[in-house]
Protein backbone atom coordinates (compact mmCIF):
# COMPACT_ATOMS: atom_id res chain seq x y z
CA UNK A 1 -20.88 15.54 5.17
CA UNK A 2 -18.01 17.81 5.88
CA UNK A 3 -14.51 17.01 6.85
CA UNK A 4 -15.07 16.95 10.53
CA UNK A 5 -18.10 14.67 10.04
CA UNK A 6 -16.08 12.48 7.97
CA UNK A 7 -13.49 12.28 10.30
CA UNK A 8 -15.94 11.58 13.17
CA UNK A 9 -17.71 8.99 11.42
CA UNK A 10 -14.48 7.39 10.58
CA UNK A 11 -13.39 7.59 14.19
CA UNK A 12 -16.88 5.93 15.45
CA UNK A 13 -16.27 3.08 12.72
CA UNK A 14 -12.96 2.43 14.31
CA UNK A 15 -10.85 3.25 11.48
CA UNK A 16 -6.89 3.50 12.43
CA UNK A 17 -5.89 7.02 13.02
CA UNK A 18 -3.09 6.59 10.53
CA UNK A 19 -5.54 5.78 7.69
CA UNK A 20 -5.93 9.09 5.53
CA UNK A 21 -5.29 12.71 5.10
CA UNK A 22 -8.50 14.61 3.98
CA UNK A 23 -7.99 17.89 2.20
CA UNK A 24 -5.21 18.69 4.75
CA UNK A 25 -6.73 17.41 7.70
CA UNK A 26 -4.62 14.46 8.61
CA UNK A 27 -6.15 11.83 11.03
CA UNK A 28 -4.08 12.17 14.34
CA UNK A 29 -0.98 10.02 13.79
CA UNK A 30 -0.84 10.10 10.03
CA UNK A 31 2.77 10.18 9.10
CA UNK A 32 2.84 11.73 5.77
CA UNK A 33 2.39 8.53 3.76
CA UNK A 34 -1.06 6.82 2.89
CA UNK A 35 -4.36 7.64 1.64
CA UNK A 36 -5.40 11.18 0.66
CA UNK A 37 -8.60 12.76 -0.48
CA UNK A 38 -8.24 16.21 -1.97
CA UNK A 39 -9.02 18.51 -4.76
CA UNK A 40 -7.13 18.59 -7.91
CA UNK A 41 -6.37 21.84 -9.94
CA UNK A 42 -9.19 21.16 -12.31
CA UNK A 43 -11.58 21.30 -9.75
CA UNK A 44 -12.34 17.48 -9.33
CA UNK A 45 -12.13 15.53 -6.35
CA UNK A 46 -9.65 12.48 -5.98
CA UNK A 47 -8.75 9.79 -3.77
CA UNK A 48 -5.22 8.20 -3.95
CA UNK A 49 -2.23 7.59 -1.91
CA UNK A 50 1.11 9.24 -1.09
CA UNK A 51 4.08 6.86 -1.12
CA UNK A 52 7.61 8.02 -0.82
CA UNK A 53 6.91 11.45 -1.64
CA UNK A 54 4.91 10.45 -5.01
CA UNK A 55 1.28 10.96 -5.38
CA UNK A 56 -0.53 7.85 -6.95
CA UNK A 57 -4.33 8.99 -8.02
CA UNK A 58 -6.59 6.11 -7.71
CA UNK A 59 -9.78 7.61 -8.73
CA UNK A 60 -11.44 11.17 -9.59
CA UNK A 61 -14.92 12.24 -8.51
CA UNK A 62 -17.14 15.23 -9.72
CA UNK A 63 -18.25 15.98 -6.25
CA UNK A 64 -16.51 16.27 -2.89
CA UNK A 65 -19.46 14.34 -1.42
CA UNK A 66 -18.90 11.37 -3.70
CA UNK A 67 -15.21 11.24 -2.94
CA UNK A 68 -16.10 11.26 0.84
CA UNK A 69 -18.53 8.57 0.52
CA UNK A 70 -15.96 6.47 -1.34
CA UNK A 71 -13.34 7.09 1.25
CA UNK A 72 -15.84 5.82 3.98
CA UNK A 73 -16.65 2.71 1.92
CA UNK A 74 -12.97 2.13 1.46
CA UNK A 75 -12.00 2.39 5.17
CA UNK A 76 -14.93 0.74 6.76
CA UNK A 77 -16.04 -2.37 4.23
CA UNK A 78 -14.44 -5.44 6.00
CA UNK A 79 -11.88 -7.27 3.65
CA UNK A 80 -12.50 -10.98 3.15
CA UNK A 81 -10.11 -13.18 4.98
CA UNK A 82 -7.23 -14.46 3.13
CA UNK A 83 -7.60 -18.00 1.50
CA UNK A 84 -5.72 -20.90 3.43
CA UNK A 85 -3.18 -22.46 1.03
CA UNK A 86 -3.51 -26.19 0.41
CA UNK A 87 -0.57 -28.36 1.70
CA UNK A 88 0.20 -29.00 -2.06
CA UNK A 89 0.49 -25.25 -2.59
CA UNK A 90 2.83 -24.75 0.41
CA UNK A 91 4.96 -27.71 -0.67
CA UNK A 92 5.36 -26.12 -4.12
CA UNK A 93 6.09 -22.84 -2.87
CA UNK A 94 8.82 -24.18 -0.67
CA UNK A 95 10.18 -26.40 -3.39
CA UNK A 96 10.32 -23.22 -5.76
CA UNK A 97 12.06 -21.28 -2.84
CA UNK A 98 14.71 -24.05 -2.54
CA UNK A 99 15.48 -23.90 -5.99
CA UNK A 100 15.76 -20.20 -6.03
CA UNK A 101 18.17 -20.21 -3.08
CA UNK A 102 20.35 -22.76 -5.07
CA UNK A 103 20.40 -20.70 -8.03
CA UNK A 104 21.49 -17.76 -5.96
CA UNK A 105 24.06 -19.64 -4.38
CA UNK A 106 25.63 -20.88 -7.54
CA UNK A 107 25.60 -17.35 -9.00
CA UNK A 108 27.50 -16.06 -5.80
CA UNK A 109 30.02 -18.89 -6.27
CA UNK A 110 30.56 -17.96 -10.01
CA UNK A 111 30.96 -14.21 -8.88
CA UNK A 112 33.18 -14.94 -6.46
CA UNK A 113 35.32 -17.14 -8.71
CA UNK A 114 35.34 -14.07 -11.31
CA UNK A 115 36.07 -11.51 -8.66
CA UNK A 116 38.97 -13.49 -7.07
CA UNK A 117 40.74 -14.26 -10.38
CA UNK A 118 42.08 -10.73 -10.42
CA UNK A 119 43.24 -10.83 -6.88
CA UNK A 120 45.62 -13.74 -7.33
CA UNK A 121 49.31 -13.28 -8.11
């Protein structure tokens, strides 16, 4: 499978246009961040991501074909649905959030007190 075949196959599978840049061939709409399949200086192929201008390599492959198969699998395999949280988990999360807000309000009040002391005559 070459670049064009992979791009066509991904398109047929309904993969979002912004998903990947394949060896310099960005899918239409790719905005300079996201998944990348390319060749490293040592000749190996890699799959990774570009975020905020930094490349993060997730995995190396001995062949371009293996790397392309991996990309196809990554982008076409359905992900499991998120598990619904129980009412108890939601309540615990809400309680933790309330505590954290209270802590932050207290920290802000203490900070304001120390900052305002120098402003008084």
